Amino acid sequence: MAEVKVKVQPPDADPVEIENRIIELCHQFPHGITDQVIQNEMPHIEAQQRAVAINRLLSMMTNALGLNSAIVSRKSLNPPRVSWIS
């Protein structure tokens, strides 16, 4: 009979808890954090969970600052100009 291997994973962490911990790390390291810092502080969190949390935080910041509408309106009103300086 074939041997069956079962991968045991820790229970999924609450996404809000992950986001809050990332925010705490940002305050702790005001010059920026790397994925390695997050991995060291939260080794039980999978890469997919980290990515989702970071993307949600970036989305919330973008929306809070009104950057989406500012970027869209600026692009539509001011098409990019290219000029060459010799």
PDB file of N, CA and C in Angstrom:
ATOM      1  N   MET A   1       0.834  -1.176   0.000  1.00  0.00           N
ATOM      2  CA  MET A   1       0.000   0.000   0.000  1.00  0.00           C
ATOM      3  C   MET A   1       0.881   1.242   0.000  1.00  0.00           C
ATOM      4  N   ALA A   2       0.468   2.269  -0.749  1.00  0.00           N
ATOM      5  CA  ALA A   2       1.256   3.497  -0.853  1.00  0.00           C
ATOM      6  C   ALA A   2       1.144   4.316   0.426  1.00  0.00           C
ATOM      7  N   GLU A   3       2.236   4.968   0.731  1.00  0.00           N
ATOM      8  CA  GLU A   3       2.261   5.822   1.920  1.00  0.00           C
ATOM      9  C   GLU A   3       1.658   7.173   1.570  1.00  0.00           C
ATOM     10  N   VAL A   4       0.819   7.680   2.450  1.00  0.00           N
ATOM     11  CA  VAL A   4       0.176   8.977   2.238  1.00  0.00           C
ATOM     12  C   VAL A   4       0.833   9.978   3.171  1.00  0.00           C
ATOM     13  N   LYS A   5       1.307  11.080   2.570  1.00  0.00           N
ATOM     14  CA  LYS A   5       1.916  12.148   3.368  1.00  0.00           C
ATOM     15  C   LYS A   5       0.916  13.277   3.519  1.00  0.00           C
ATOM     16  N   VAL A   6       0.767  13.744   4.715  1.00  0.00           N
ATOM     17  CA  VAL A   6      -0.168  14.829   4.996  1.00  0.00           C
ATOM     18  C   VAL A   6       0.630  16.032   5.459  1.00  0.00           C
ATOM     19  N   LYS A   7       0.416  17.162   4.788  1.00  0.00           N
ATOM     20  CA  LYS A   7       1.099  18.391   5.165  1.00  0.00           C
ATOM     21  C   LYS A   7       0.253  19.102   6.221  1.00  0.00           C
ATOM     22  N   VAL A   8       0.843  19.294   7.376  1.00  0.00           N
ATOM     23  CA  VAL A   8       0.146  19.977   8.461  1.00  0.00           C
ATOM     24  C   VAL A   8       0.523  21.443   8.410  1.00  0.00           C
ATOM     25  N   GLN A   9      -0.494  22.271   8.281  1.00  0.00           N
ATOM     26  CA  GLN A   9      -0.260  23.713   8.242  1.00  0.00           C
ATOM     27  C   GLN A   9      -0.861  24.356   9.482  1.00  0.00           C
ATOM     28  N   PRO A  10      -0.227  25.428   9.947  1.00  0.00           N
ATOM     29  CA  PRO A  10      -0.826  26.140  11.071  1.00  0.00           C
ATOM     30  C   PRO A  10      -2.129  26.788  10.615  1.00  0.00           C
ATOM     31  N   PRO A  11      -3.038  27.018  11.526  1.00  0.00           N
ATOM     32  CA  PRO A  11      -4.300  27.655  11.126  1.00  0.00           C
ATOM     33  C   PRO A  11      -4.036  29.035  10.535  1.00  0.00           C
ATOM     34  N   ASP A  12      -4.885  29.405   9.587  1.00  0.00           N
ATOM     35  CA  ASP A  12      -4.729  30.718   8.966  1.00  0.00           C
ATOM     36  C   ASP A  12      -4.885  31.820  10.006  1.00  0.00           C
ATOM     37  N   ALA A  13      -3.987  32.757   9.936  1.00  0.00           N
ATOM     38  CA  ALA A  13      -4.057  33.906  10.833  1.00  0.00           C
ATOM     39  C   ALA A  13      -5.111  34.870  10.318  1.00  0.00           C
ATOM     40  N   ASP A  14      -5.655  35.636  11.216  1.00  0.00           N
ATOM     41  CA  ASP A  14      -6.642  36.640  10.848  1.00  0.00           C
ATOM     42  C   ASP A  14      -5.960  37.702   9.980  1.00  0.00           C
ATOM     43  N   PRO A  15      -6.506  37.988   8.776  1.00  0.00           N
ATOM     44  CA  PRO A  15      -5.874  38.982   7.894  1.00  0.00           C
ATOM     45  C   PRO A  15      -5.687  40.343   8.562  1.00  0.00           C
ATOM     46  N   VAL A  16      -6.628  40.730   9.404  1.00  0.00           N
ATOM     47  CA  VAL A  16      -6.510  42.029  10.086  1.00  0.00           C
ATOM     48  C   VAL A  16      -5.344  42.007  11.062  1.00  0.00           C
ATOM     49  N   GLU A  17      -5.126  40.880  11.723  1.00  0.00           N
ATOM     50  CA  GLU A  17      -3.984  40.765  12.638  1.00  0.00           C
ATOM     51  C   GLU A  17      -2.666  40.880  11.872  1.00  0.00           C
ATOM     52  N   ILE A  18      -2.609  40.253  10.701  1.00  0.00           N
ATOM     53  CA  ILE A  18      -1.395  40.331   9.878  1.00  0.00           C
ATOM     54  C   ILE A  18      -1.155  41.781   9.467  1.00  0.00           C
ATOM     55  N   GLU A  19      -2.198  42.453   9.004  1.00  0.00           N
ATOM     56  CA  GLU A  19      -2.064  43.861   8.590  1.00  0.00           C
ATOM     57  C   GLU A  19      -1.622  44.727   9.758  1.00  0.00           C
ATOM     58  N   ASN A  20      -2.216  44.519  10.918  1.00  0.00           N
ATOM     59  CA  ASN A  20      -1.840  45.319  12.090  1.00  0.00           C
ATOM     60  C   ASN A  20      -0.388  45.096  12.477  1.00  0.00           C
ATOM     61  N   ARG A  21       0.081  43.849  12.369  1.00  0.00           N
ATOM     62  CA  ARG A  21       1.481  43.562  12.707  1.00  0.00           C
ATOM     63  C   ARG A  21       2.425  44.211  11.697  1.00  0.00           C
ATOM     64  N   ILE A  22       2.031  44.217  10.427  1.00  0.00           N
ATOM     65  CA  ILE A  22       2.850  44.878   9.406  1.00  0.00           C
ATOM     66  C   ILE A  22       2.918  46.377   9.683  1.00  0.00           C
ATOM     67  N   ILE A  23       1.799  46.960  10.080  1.00  0.00           N
ATOM     68  CA  ILE A  23       1.782  48.393  10.429  1.00  0.00           C
ATOM     69  C   ILE A  23       2.705  48.650  11.616  1.00  0.00           C
ATOM     70  N   GLU A  24       2.674  47.774  12.619  1.00  0.00           N
ATOM     71  CA  GLU A  24       3.571  47.915  13.774  1.00  0.00           C
ATOM     72  C   GLU A  24       5.036  47.863  13.332  1.00  0.00           C
ATOM     73  N   LEU A  25       5.337  46.949  12.417  1.00  0.00           N
ATOM     74  CA  LEU A  25       6.707  46.845  11.918  1.00  0.00           C
ATOM     75  C   LEU A  25       7.113  48.115  11.174  1.00  0.00           C
ATOM     76  N   CYS A  26       6.191  48.706  10.437  1.00  0.00           N
ATOM     77  CA  CYS A  26       6.481  49.966   9.731  1.00  0.00           C
ATOM     78  C   CYS A  26       6.804  51.082  10.709  1.00  0.00           C
ATOM     79  N   HIS A  27       6.120  51.099  11.840  1.00  0.00           N
ATOM     80  CA  HIS A  27       6.424  52.107  12.862  1.00  0.00           C
ATOM     81  C   HIS A  27       7.761  51.812  13.533  1.00  0.00           C
ATOM     82  N   GLN A  28       8.033  50.529  13.704  1.00  0.00           N
ATOM     83  CA  GLN A  28       9.288  50.124  14.338  1.00  0.00           C
ATOM     84  C   GLN A  28      10.488  50.412  13.436  1.00  0.00           C
ATOM     85  N   PHE A  29      10.299  50.279  12.124  1.00  0.00           N
ATOM     86  CA  PHE A  29      11.356  50.516  11.148  1.00  0.00           C
ATOM     87  C   PHE A  29      10.900  51.610  10.178  1.00  0.00           C
ATOM     88  N   PRO A  30      10.979  52.889  10.595  1.00  0.00           N
ATOM     89  CA  PRO A  30      10.427  53.977   9.782  1.00  0.00           C
ATOM     90  C   PRO A  30      11.108  54.174   8.429  1.00  0.00           C
ATOM     91  N   HIS A  31      12.299  53.616   8.245  1.00  0.00           N
ATOM     92  CA  HIS A  31      12.979  53.754   6.948  1.00  0.00           C
ATOM     93  C   HIS A  31      12.550  52.675   5.962  1.00  0.00           C
ATOM     94  N   GLY A  32      11.669  51.772   6.405  1.00  0.00           N
ATOM     95  CA  GLY A  32      11.144  50.748   5.527  1.00  0.00           C
ATOM     96  C   GLY A  32      11.437  49.348   6.027  1.00  0.00           C
ATOM     97  N   ILE A  33      10.634  48.414   5.537  1.00  0.00           N
ATOM     98  CA  ILE A  33      10.823  47.016   5.891  1.00  0.00           C
ATOM     99  C   ILE A  33      10.888  46.179   4.616  1.00  0.00           C
ATOM    100  N   THR A  34      11.526  45.052   4.739  1.00  0.00           N
ATOM    101  CA  THR A  34      11.605  44.124   3.616  1.00  0.00           C
ATOM    102  C   THR A  34      10.723  42.915   3.924  1.00  0.00           C
ATOM    103  N   ASP A  35      10.517  42.110   2.904  1.00  0.00           N
ATOM    104  CA  ASP A  35       9.765  40.877   3.113  1.00  0.00           C
ATOM    105  C   ASP A  35      10.477  40.003   4.123  1.00  0.00           C
ATOM    106  N   GLN A  36      11.801  40.056   4.147  1.00  0.00           N
ATOM    107  CA  GLN A  36      12.564  39.247   5.108  1.00  0.00           C
ATOM    108  C   GLN A  36      12.250  39.659   6.542  1.00  0.00           C
ATOM    109  N   VAL A  37      12.067  40.939   6.789  1.00  0.00           N
ATOM    110  CA  VAL A  37      11.702  41.410   8.135  1.00  0.00           C
ATOM    111  C   VAL A  37      10.355  40.820   8.528  1.00  0.00           C
ATOM    112  N   ILE A  38       9.405  40.862   7.599  1.00  0.00           N
ATOM    113  CA  ILE A  38       8.077  40.311   7.889  1.00  0.00           C
ATOM    114  C   ILE A  38       8.170  38.812   8.135  1.00  0.00           C
ATOM    115  N   GLN A  39       8.948  38.111   7.318  1.00  0.00           N
ATOM    116  CA  GLN A  39       9.116  36.665   7.498  1.00  0.00           C
ATOM    117  C   GLN A  39       9.737  36.342   8.851  1.00  0.00           C
ATOM    118  N   ASN A  40      10.722  37.132   9.263  1.00  0.00           N
ATOM    119  CA  ASN A  40      11.373  36.894  10.555  1.00  0.00           C
ATOM    120  C   ASN A  40      10.413  37.109  11.714  1.00  0.00           C
ATOM    121  N   GLU A  41       9.550  38.096  11.587  1.00  0.00           N
ATOM    122  CA  GLU A  41       8.614  38.423  12.659  1.00  0.00           C
ATOM    123  C   GLU A  41       7.380  37.521  12.652  1.00  0.00           C
ATOM    124  N   MET A  42       7.025  37.005  11.475  1.00  0.00           N
ATOM    125  CA  MET A  42       5.828  36.166  11.354  1.00  0.00           C
ATOM    126  C   MET A  42       6.149  34.937  10.498  1.00  0.00           C
ATOM    127  N   PRO A  43       6.984  34.036  11.000  1.00  0.00           N
ATOM    128  CA  PRO A  43       7.419  32.898  10.187  1.00  0.00           C
ATOM    129  C   PRO A  43       6.295  31.930   9.818  1.00  0.00           C
ATOM    130  N   HIS A  44       5.204  31.962  10.551  1.00  0.00           N
ATOM    131  CA  HIS A  44       4.092  31.054  10.291  1.00  0.00           C
ATOM    132  C   HIS A  44       3.166  31.542   9.179  1.00  0.00           C
ATOM    133  N   ILE A  45       3.377  32.760   8.690  1.00  0.00           N
ATOM    134  CA  ILE A  45       2.515  33.340   7.662  1.00  0.00           C
ATOM    135  C   ILE A  45       3.070  32.987   6.282  1.00  0.00           C
ATOM    136  N   GLU A  46       2.228  32.428   5.436  1.00  0.00           N
ATOM    137  CA  GLU A  46       2.625  32.050   4.080  1.00  0.00           C
ATOM    138  C   GLU A  46       2.818  33.297   3.209  1.00  0.00           C
ATOM    139  N   ALA A  47       3.572  33.135   2.135  1.00  0.00           N
ATOM    140  CA  ALA A  47       3.851  34.252   1.213  1.00  0.00           C
ATOM    141  C   ALA A  47       2.566  34.839   0.655  1.00  0.00           C
ATOM    142  N   GLN A  48       1.609  33.985   0.312  1.00  0.00           N
ATOM    143  CA  GLN A  48       0.333  34.459  -0.232  1.00  0.00           C
ATOM    144  C   GLN A  48      -0.396  35.351   0.773  1.00  0.00           C
ATOM    145  N   GLN A  49      -0.385  34.962   2.037  1.00  0.00           N
ATOM    146  CA  GLN A  49      -1.042  35.763   3.074  1.00  0.00           C
ATOM    147  C   GLN A  49      -0.339  37.109   3.243  1.00  0.00           C
ATOM    148  N   ARG A  50       0.995  37.093   3.192  1.00  0.00           N
ATOM    149  CA  ARG A  50       1.743  38.355   3.306  1.00  0.00           C
ATOM    150  C   ARG A  50       1.399  39.275   2.143  1.00  0.00           C
ATOM    151  N   ALA A  51       1.380  38.712   0.942  1.00  0.00           N
ATOM    152  CA  ALA A  51       1.095  39.517  -0.251  1.00  0.00           C
ATOM    153  C   ALA A  51      -0.296  40.124  -0.188  1.00  0.00           C
ATOM    154  N   VAL A  52      -1.268  39.345   0.225  1.00  0.00           N
ATOM    155  CA  VAL A  52      -2.644  39.853   0.327  1.00  0.00           C
ATOM    156  C   VAL A  52      -2.704  40.996   1.348  1.00  0.00           C
ATOM    157  N   ALA A  53      -2.056  40.809   2.492  1.00  0.00           N
ATOM    158  CA  ALA A  53      -2.076  41.843   3.533  1.00  0.00           C
ATOM    159  C   ALA A  53      -1.405  43.128   3.054  1.00  0.00           C
ATOM    160  N   ILE A  54      -0.258  43.005   2.408  1.00  0.00           N
ATOM    161  CA  ILE A  54       0.454  44.187   1.912  1.00  0.00           C
ATOM    162  C   ILE A  54      -0.360  44.888   0.834  1.00  0.00           C
ATOM    163  N   ASN A  55      -0.941  44.128  -0.078  1.00  0.00           N
ATOM    164  CA  ASN A  55      -1.760  44.737  -1.136  1.00  0.00           C
ATOM    165  C   ASN A  55      -2.983  45.436  -0.574  1.00  0.00           C
ATOM    166  N   ARG A  56      -3.606  44.837   0.445  1.00  0.00           N
ATOM    167  CA  ARG A  56      -4.767  45.500   1.065  1.00  0.00           C
ATOM    168  C   ARG A  56      -4.349  46.807   1.746  1.00  0.00           C
ATOM    169  N   LEU A  57      -3.211  46.788   2.431  1.00  0.00           N
ATOM    170  CA  LEU A  57      -2.735  48.012   3.081  1.00  0.00           C
ATOM    171  C   LEU A  57      -2.427  49.096   2.052  1.00  0.00           C
ATOM    172  N   LEU A  58      -1.777  48.726   0.967  1.00  0.00           N
ATOM    173  CA  LEU A  58      -1.471  49.697  -0.087  1.00  0.00           C
ATOM    174  C   LEU A  58      -2.747  50.245  -0.713  1.00  0.00           C
ATOM    175  N   SER A  59      -3.726  49.385  -0.911  1.00  0.00           N
ATOM    176  CA  SER A  59      -4.997  49.809  -1.480  1.00  0.00           C
ATOM    177  C   SER A  59      -5.707  50.788  -0.549  1.00  0.00           C
ATOM    178  N   MET A  60      -5.697  50.485   0.745  1.00  0.00           N
ATOM    179  CA  MET A  60      -6.344  51.380   1.707  1.00  0.00           C
ATOM    180  C   MET A  60      -5.639  52.736   1.738  1.00  0.00           C
ATOM    181  N   MET A  61      -4.307  52.738   1.682  1.00  0.00           N
ATOM    182  CA  MET A  61      -3.569  54.002   1.683  1.00  0.00           C
ATOM    183  C   MET A  61      -3.875  54.807   0.433  1.00  0.00           C
ATOM    184  N   THR A  62      -3.917  54.132  -0.708  1.00  0.00           N
ATOM    185  CA  THR A  62      -4.192  54.802  -1.976  1.00  0.00           C
ATOM    186  C   THR A  62      -5.568  55.434  -1.943  1.00  0.00           C
ATOM    187  N   ASN A  63      -6.542  54.677  -1.459  1.00  0.00           N
ATOM    188  CA  ASN A  63      -7.903  55.199  -1.383  1.00  0.00           C
ATOM    189  C   ASN A  63      -8.001  56.342  -0.371  1.00  0.00           C
ATOM    190  N   ALA A  64      -7.334  56.196   0.764  1.00  0.00           N
ATOM    191  CA  ALA A  64      -7.392  57.228   1.800  1.00  0.00           C
ATOM    192  C   ALA A  64      -6.780  58.539   1.314  1.00  0.00           C
ATOM    193  N   LEU A  65      -5.748  58.441   0.511  1.00  0.00           N
ATOM    194  CA  LEU A  65      -5.088  59.640   0.001  1.00  0.00           C
ATOM    195  C   LEU A  65      -5.747  60.175  -1.264  1.00  0.00           C
ATOM    196  N   GLY A  66      -6.687  59.433  -1.811  1.00  0.00           N
ATOM    197  CA  GLY A  66      -7.349  59.858  -3.033  1.00  0.00           C
ATOM    198  C   GLY A  66      -6.446  59.805  -4.242  1.00  0.00           C
ATOM    199  N   LEU A  67      -5.474  58.909  -4.215  1.00  0.00           N
ATOM    200  CA  LEU A  67      -4.509  58.857  -5.308  1.00  0.00           C
ATOM    201  C   LEU A  67      -5.105  58.281  -6.583  1.00  0.00           C
ATOM    202  N   ASN A  68      -6.029  57.340  -6.464  1.00  0.00           N
ATOM    203  CA  ASN A  68      -6.603  56.736  -7.667  1.00  0.00           C
ATOM    204  C   ASN A  68      -7.254  57.787  -8.546  1.00  0.00           C
ATOM    205  N   SER A  69      -8.104  58.615  -7.971  1.00  0.00           N
ATOM    206  CA  SER A  69      -8.793  59.625  -8.771  1.00  0.00           C
ATOM    207  C   SER A  69      -7.827  60.699  -9.252  1.00  0.00           C
ATOM    208  N   ALA A  70      -6.831  61.027  -8.438  1.00  0.00           N
ATOM    209  CA  ALA A  70      -5.858  62.045  -8.849  1.00  0.00           C
ATOM    210  C   ALA A  70      -5.020  61.550 -10.016  1.00  0.00           C
ATOM    211  N   ILE A  71      -4.624  60.307  -9.977  1.00  0.00           N
ATOM    212  CA  ILE A  71      -3.807  59.742 -11.055  1.00  0.00           C
ATOM    213  C   ILE A  71      -4.621  59.648 -12.332  1.00  0.00           C
ATOM    214  N   VAL A  72      -5.842  59.162 -12.235  1.00  0.00           N
ATOM    215  CA  VAL A  72      -6.690  59.018 -13.417  1.00  0.00           C
ATOM    216  C   VAL A  72      -6.986  60.377 -14.039  1.00  0.00           C
ATOM    217  N   SER A  73      -7.364  61.351 -13.225  1.00  0.00           N
ATOM    218  CA  SER A  73      -7.707  62.653 -13.776  1.00  0.00           C
ATOM    219  C   SER A  73      -6.480  63.345 -14.357  1.00  0.00           C
ATOM    220  N   ARG A  74      -5.332  63.191 -13.728  1.00  0.00           N
ATOM    221  CA  ARG A  74      -4.119  63.826 -14.242  1.00  0.00           C
ATOM    222  C   ARG A  74      -3.706  63.204 -15.578  1.00  0.00           C
ATOM    223  N   LYS A  75      -3.801  61.888 -15.680  1.00  0.00           N
ATOM    224  CA  LYS A  75      -3.427  61.223 -16.924  1.00  0.00           C
ATOM    225  C   LYS A  75      -4.349  61.648 -18.059  1.00  0.00           C
ATOM    226  N   SER A  76      -5.623  61.784 -17.773  1.00  0.00           N
ATOM    227  CA  SER A  76      -6.552  62.118 -18.837  1.00  0.00           C
ATOM    228  C   SER A  76      -6.442  63.592 -19.243  1.00  0.00           C
ATOM    229  N   LEU A  77      -6.052  64.452 -18.313  1.00  0.00           N
ATOM    230  CA  LEU A  77      -5.948  65.872 -18.628  1.00  0.00           C
ATOM    231  C   LEU A  77      -4.592  66.265 -19.199  1.00  0.00           C
ATOM    232  N   ASN A  78      -3.559  65.586 -18.783  1.00  0.00           N
ATOM    233  CA  ASN A  78      -2.205  65.932 -19.204  1.00  0.00           C
ATOM    234  C   ASN A  78      -1.518  64.730 -19.819  1.00  0.00           C
ATOM    235  N   PRO A  79      -1.674  64.535 -21.110  1.00  0.00           N
ATOM    236  CA  PRO A  79      -0.974  63.409 -21.710  1.00  0.00           C
ATOM    237  C   PRO A  79       0.547  63.619 -21.592  1.00  0.00           C
ATOM    238  N   PRO A  80       1.296  62.549 -21.464  1.00  0.00           N
ATOM    239  CA  PRO A  80       2.748  62.685 -21.265  1.00  0.00           C
ATOM    240  C   PRO A  80       3.401  63.321 -22.496  1.00  0.00           C
ATOM    241  N   ARG A  81       4.385  64.147 -22.227  1.00  0.00           N
ATOM    242  CA  ARG A  81       5.150  64.786 -23.294  1.00  0.00           C
ATOM    243  C   ARG A  81       6.554  64.217 -23.298  1.00  0.00           C
ATOM    244  N   VAL A  82       7.051  63.999 -24.466  1.00  0.00           N
ATOM    245  CA  VAL A  82       8.409  63.488 -24.584  1.00  0.00           C
ATOM    246  C   VAL A  82       9.214  64.517 -25.364  1.00  0.00           C
ATOM    247  N   SER A  83      10.308  64.905 -24.804  1.00  0.00           N
ATOM    248  CA  SER A  83      11.173  65.840 -25.528  1.00  0.00           C
ATOM    249  C   SER A  83      12.610  65.384 -25.352  1.00  0.00           C
ATOM    250  N   TRP A  84      13.386  65.617 -26.350  1.00  0.00           N
ATOM    251  CA  TRP A  84      14.790  65.219 -26.335  1.00  0.00           C
ATOM    252  C   TRP A  84      15.646  66.460 -26.247  1.00  0.00           C
ATOM    253  N   ILE A  85      16.605  66.392 -25.361  1.00  0.00           N
ATOM    254  CA  ILE A  85      17.544  67.500 -25.227  1.00  0.00           C
ATOM    255  C   ILE A  85      18.865  67.039 -25.806  1.00  0.00           C
ATOM    256  N   SER A  86      19.372  67.801 -26.767  1.00  0.00           N
ATOM    257  CA  SER A  86      20.642  67.415 -27.375  1.00  0.00           C
ATOM    258  C   SER A  86      21.774  68.176 -26.744  1.00  0.00           C
TER     259      SER A  86
END
